[in-house]
Amino acid sequence: MTAPPFRVLVTRPAADAVLLAEALTRSGIEVLSEPLLEIVNIPGQPVAVEDVQALLITSANGIRVFAARNAARDLLVLAVGDASAAAARGLGFARVESAAGDVAALARLCQRQLDPAQGELLHVAGTRIAGDLAQELRQAGFRYRREELYRARAATALSSAAVAAVRAGTLAGVLFFSPRTAETFVALAGVAGATAHLARMTAYCLSRAVATKAGAAAWKRIVVAEEPSQDSLLAAIARDML
């Protein structure tokens, strides 16, 4: 008998889900995309960068909106992870480095690579962020400025396709990259009357903070990536396929 396909639900915003879905598909994993956050750009003028020594990005969305407003591509970009670094390179930024981790890892990268006397650090982000990058950098003597360039609007219901897949038990698991996404999914599964079916699925979580929100429901298992990176999460999924 042929084994059923290993199929997962990807909950990332639409633009972020594309490359993730491609990576999963290359690994032989079927993908059902269910964006739970809609990225809404905040209109505005070009962002001032005259005294900026580096752009800090904690999501690909921040650099996308910045690039739409600003033509400059010569700024140094320090990214929280490889996916956001790849997004910056794809937009034409030539000097890009990845912290390959979380906000704390990004703060450490700044302290290793940068000099507080050489200018301010500009964090291009959304209206809601995880961690306290500002405090860590200011304590290290840096001038930090955050520009809110977008807001993430949470979905109000799961799609009929997602609900059907959860109820039918055709999903091996759900991928969560942020606490807000995990919290939104659990709440909407409850609204759809599908919470009980999560006990047959695995919640694949980027970090323990994400897992805490996912843990509001009873899953078959909750798996946390060894490092807060997309590659680490994909590795965890690959181990489950063996």
Protein backbone atom coordinates (compact mmCIF):
# COMPACT_ATOMS: atom_id res chain seq x y z
CA MET A 1 0.00 0.00 0.00
CA THR A 2 1.27 3.44 -0.91
CA ALA A 3 1.86 5.71 2.10
CA PRO A 4 -0.27 8.86 2.19
CA PRO A 5 1.57 12.06 1.21
CA PHE A 6 3.22 14.08 3.95
CA ARG A 7 1.16 17.27 3.82
CA VAL A 8 1.47 20.42 5.93
CA LEU A 9 -0.39 23.68 6.37
CA VAL A 10 1.73 26.82 5.89
CA THR A 11 0.38 29.81 7.80
CA ARG A 12 2.87 32.49 6.74
CA PRO A 13 1.73 35.68 4.96
CA ALA A 14 1.31 35.14 1.22
CA ALA A 15 4.59 36.73 0.09
CA ASP A 16 6.64 34.85 2.70
CA ALA A 17 4.91 31.55 1.98
CA VAL A 18 6.09 31.30 -1.62
CA LEU A 19 9.76 30.42 -1.04
CA LEU A 20 8.86 28.30 1.98
CA ALA A 21 6.38 26.29 -0.07
CA GLU A 22 9.01 25.80 -2.78
CA ALA A 23 11.52 24.48 -0.23
CA LEU A 24 8.94 22.09 1.23
CA THR A 25 7.91 20.86 -2.20
CA ARG A 26 11.53 20.14 -3.13
CA SER A 27 11.66 17.91 -0.03
CA GLY A 28 8.65 15.93 -1.19
CA ILE A 29 6.18 17.62 1.13
CA GLU A 30 2.75 18.68 -0.06
CA VAL A 31 1.71 22.19 0.95
CA LEU A 32 -1.61 23.80 1.69
CA SER A 33 -1.16 27.55 2.06
CA GLU A 34 -3.32 29.36 4.62
CA PRO A 35 -2.02 32.91 5.23
CA LEU A 36 -3.22 33.98 8.66
CA LEU A 37 -1.71 37.45 8.58
CA GLU A 38 -2.30 39.99 5.82
CA ILE A 39 0.49 42.53 5.42
CA VAL A 40 -0.89 46.05 4.96
CA ASN A 41 1.62 48.71 3.96
CA ILE A 42 1.42 52.04 5.77
CA PRO A 43 1.59 54.87 3.19
CA GLY A 44 4.32 57.43 3.68
CA GLN A 45 7.26 59.36 2.35
CA PRO A 46 10.78 57.94 1.84
CA VAL A 47 12.38 57.01 5.15
CA ALA A 48 15.21 59.30 6.29
CA VAL A 49 18.57 57.49 6.15
CA GLU A 50 21.15 60.31 6.23
CA ASP A 51 22.82 59.24 9.51
CA VAL A 52 22.06 55.52 9.29
CA GLN A 53 24.95 53.06 9.40
CA ALA A 54 22.77 49.95 9.04
CA LEU A 55 19.22 48.82 8.40
CA LEU A 56 17.90 46.18 10.78
CA ILE A 57 15.17 43.84 9.58
CA THR A 58 13.27 41.33 11.68
CA SER A 59 11.00 40.28 8.82
CA ALA A 60 11.11 40.34 5.03
CA ASN A 61 8.06 42.60 5.03
CA GLY A 62 9.97 45.49 6.55
CA ILE A 63 12.63 45.54 3.86
CA ARG A 64 10.01 45.13 1.10
CA VAL A 65 8.15 48.25 2.20
CA PHE A 66 11.36 50.19 2.78
CA ALA A 67 12.54 49.30 -0.74
CA ALA A 68 9.24 50.47 -2.19
CA ARG A 69 9.70 53.88 -0.54
CA ASN A 70 13.47 54.32 -0.85
CA ALA A 71 15.72 53.90 -3.90
CA ALA A 72 18.93 53.52 -1.84
CA ARG A 73 20.41 50.02 -2.04
CA ASP A 74 23.91 50.72 -0.72
CA LEU A 75 23.02 50.56 2.97
CA LEU A 76 24.30 47.69 5.09
CA VAL A 77 21.41 45.38 6.01
CA LEU A 78 21.55 43.18 9.10
CA ALA A 79 18.76 40.60 9.06
CA VAL A 80 17.39 38.46 11.85
CA GLY A 81 17.42 35.33 9.67
CA ASP A 82 18.35 33.84 6.34
CA ALA A 83 14.89 34.24 4.79
CA SER A 84 14.76 37.98 5.48
CA ALA A 85 18.37 38.32 4.30
CA ALA A 86 17.47 36.57 1.05
CA ALA A 87 14.54 38.96 0.58
CA ALA A 88 16.89 41.95 0.97
CA ARG A 89 19.34 40.53 -1.58
CA GLY A 90 16.47 39.88 -3.96
CA LEU A 91 15.52 43.55 -3.75
CA GLY A 92 19.00 44.66 -4.79
CA PHE A 93 20.75 45.26 -1.47
CA ALA A 94 24.36 44.18 -1.95
CA ARG A 95 25.63 44.32 1.64
CA VAL A 96 23.51 41.91 3.66
CA GLU A 97 24.35 39.76 6.67
CA SER A 98 22.15 37.33 8.55
CA ALA A 99 22.11 36.71 12.29
CA ALA A 100 20.59 33.28 11.53
CA GLY A 101 18.56 33.40 14.71
CA ASP A 102 16.24 35.59 16.74
CA VAL A 103 16.19 39.20 17.92
CA ALA A 104 18.84 38.47 20.56
CA ALA A 105 21.10 37.04 17.85
CA LEU A 106 20.54 40.16 15.73
CA ALA A 107 21.53 42.37 18.67
CA ARG A 108 24.71 40.35 19.13
CA LEU A 109 25.51 40.67 15.41
CA CYS A 110 25.13 44.45 15.66
CA GLN A 111 27.49 44.58 18.62
CA ARG A 112 30.10 42.48 16.82
CA GLN A 113 29.96 44.29 13.49
CA LEU A 114 29.07 47.89 14.26
CA ASP A 115 30.43 50.88 16.14
CA PRO A 116 27.93 53.05 18.09
CA ALA A 117 29.88 56.15 17.03
CA GLN A 118 29.32 55.53 13.31
CA GLY A 119 25.62 56.39 13.13
CA GLU A 120 22.19 55.22 14.12
CA LEU A 121 20.58 51.85 13.53
CA LEU A 122 17.29 51.96 11.65
CA HIS A 123 14.88 49.12 12.33
CA VAL A 124 12.29 48.92 9.53
CA ALA A 125 9.41 46.90 10.95
CA GLY A 126 5.71 46.53 11.53
CA THR A 127 3.51 47.92 14.25
CA ARG A 128 4.01 44.79 16.35
CA ILE A 129 7.37 43.13 16.95
CA ALA A 130 8.68 40.31 19.12
CA GLY A 131 11.49 40.80 21.59
CA ASP A 132 13.10 44.04 22.77
CA LEU A 133 15.75 44.89 20.23
CA ALA A 134 15.65 48.56 21.18
CA GLN A 135 16.58 47.98 24.81
CA GLU A 136 19.44 45.61 24.00
CA LEU A 137 20.99 47.98 21.48
CA ARG A 138 20.53 51.12 23.53
CA GLN A 139 22.15 49.42 26.51
CA ALA A 140 25.11 48.69 24.22
CA GLY A 141 25.38 52.40 23.40
CA PHE A 142 23.73 52.44 19.98
CA ARG A 143 21.25 55.01 18.73
CA TYR A 144 18.21 53.04 17.64
CA ARG A 145 15.24 54.21 15.56
CA ARG A 146 12.25 52.13 14.57
CA GLU A 147 10.08 53.00 11.59
CA GLU A 148 6.69 51.28 11.45
CA LEU A 149 6.11 50.61 7.76
CA TYR A 150 3.33 48.03 7.81
CA ARG A 151 0.73 46.36 9.97
CA ALA A 152 -0.18 42.68 10.04
CA ARG A 153 -3.94 42.09 10.03
CA ALA A 154 -5.01 38.72 11.41
CA ALA A 155 -7.45 36.51 9.53
CA THR A 156 -10.96 36.29 10.95
CA ALA A 157 -11.73 32.74 9.78
CA LEU A 158 -10.01 29.68 8.39
CA SER A 159 -10.68 28.89 4.75
CA SER A 160 -13.05 26.06 3.91
CA ALA A 161 -10.12 24.14 2.41
CA ALA A 162 -8.11 24.39 5.62
CA VAL A 163 -11.04 23.36 7.82
CA ALA A 164 -11.80 20.41 5.54
CA ALA A 165 -8.18 19.25 5.63
CA VAL A 166 -8.02 19.49 9.43
CA ARG A 167 -11.25 17.56 9.87
CA ALA A 168 -10.30 14.92 7.30
CA GLY A 169 -6.97 14.25 8.99
CA THR A 170 -5.00 14.75 5.78
CA LEU A 171 -2.49 17.12 7.36
CA ALA A 172 0.62 15.86 9.13
CA GLY A 173 1.11 19.23 10.74
CA VAL A 174 0.93 23.01 10.75
CA LEU A 175 3.90 25.39 10.51
CA PHE A 176 4.02 28.42 12.80
CA PHE A 177 6.64 31.17 12.52
CA SER A 178 5.25 33.68 15.03
CA PRO A 179 3.37 33.64 18.34
CA ARG A 180 0.59 35.72 16.81
CA THR A 181 0.08 33.27 13.96
CA ALA A 182 -0.08 30.30 16.33
CA GLU A 183 -2.51 32.13 18.60
CA THR A 184 -4.68 33.09 15.62
CA PHE A 185 -4.81 29.55 14.26
CA VAL A 186 -5.80 28.01 17.59
CA ALA A 187 -8.55 30.59 18.06
CA LEU A 188 -9.92 30.16 14.53
CA ALA A 189 -9.81 26.36 14.76
CA GLY A 190 -12.01 26.75 17.81
CA VAL A 191 -14.45 28.99 15.96
CA ALA A 192 -14.60 26.40 13.15
CA GLY A 193 -15.29 23.58 15.62
CA ALA A 194 -12.11 21.80 14.54
CA THR A 195 -10.03 21.92 17.73
CA ALA A 196 -10.47 18.25 18.58
CA HIS A 197 -8.95 17.22 15.24
CA LEU A 198 -5.63 18.92 16.09
CA ALA A 199 -4.83 15.91 18.28
CA ARG A 200 -3.92 14.04 15.07
CA MET A 201 -1.47 16.70 13.90
CA THR A 202 1.93 18.14 14.86
CA ALA A 203 2.51 21.83 15.49
CA TYR A 204 5.91 22.76 14.04
CA CYS A 205 7.05 25.92 15.84
CA LEU A 206 9.93 28.28 15.10
CA SER A 207 10.62 28.99 18.78
CA ARG A 208 9.45 28.23 22.30
CA ALA A 209 7.53 31.52 22.35
CA VAL A 210 5.60 30.29 19.32
CA ALA A 211 5.09 26.88 20.93
CA THR A 212 3.62 28.50 24.03
CA LYS A 213 0.80 29.99 21.96
CA ALA A 214 0.28 26.79 19.97
CA GLY A 215 0.08 24.91 23.26
CA ALA A 216 -3.31 26.43 23.99
CA ALA A 217 -4.65 23.49 21.93
CA ALA A 218 -4.06 19.76 22.40
CA TRP A 219 -1.86 18.59 19.52
CA LYS A 220 -0.46 15.15 18.80
CA ARG A 221 2.96 16.75 19.33
CA ILE A 222 4.53 20.19 19.47
CA VAL A 223 7.94 20.32 17.81
CA VAL A 224 10.23 23.32 18.34
CA ALA A 225 13.07 24.08 15.92
CA GLU A 226 16.53 23.64 17.46
CA GLU A 227 17.35 27.16 16.25
CA PRO A 228 14.86 29.92 15.35
CA SER A 229 15.44 29.64 11.61
CA GLN A 230 13.51 28.32 8.64
CA ASP A 231 16.23 25.78 7.84
CA SER A 232 16.10 24.41 11.37
CA LEU A 233 12.32 24.07 11.25
CA LEU A 234 12.52 22.32 7.88
CA ALA A 235 15.10 19.95 9.33
CA ALA A 236 12.68 19.07 12.14
CA ILE A 237 10.00 18.26 9.61
CA ALA A 238 12.42 16.18 7.56
CA ARG A 239 13.20 14.06 10.62
CA ASP A 240 9.50 13.31 11.03
CA MET A 241 9.35 12.05 7.45
CA LEU A 242 11.97 9.33 8.05
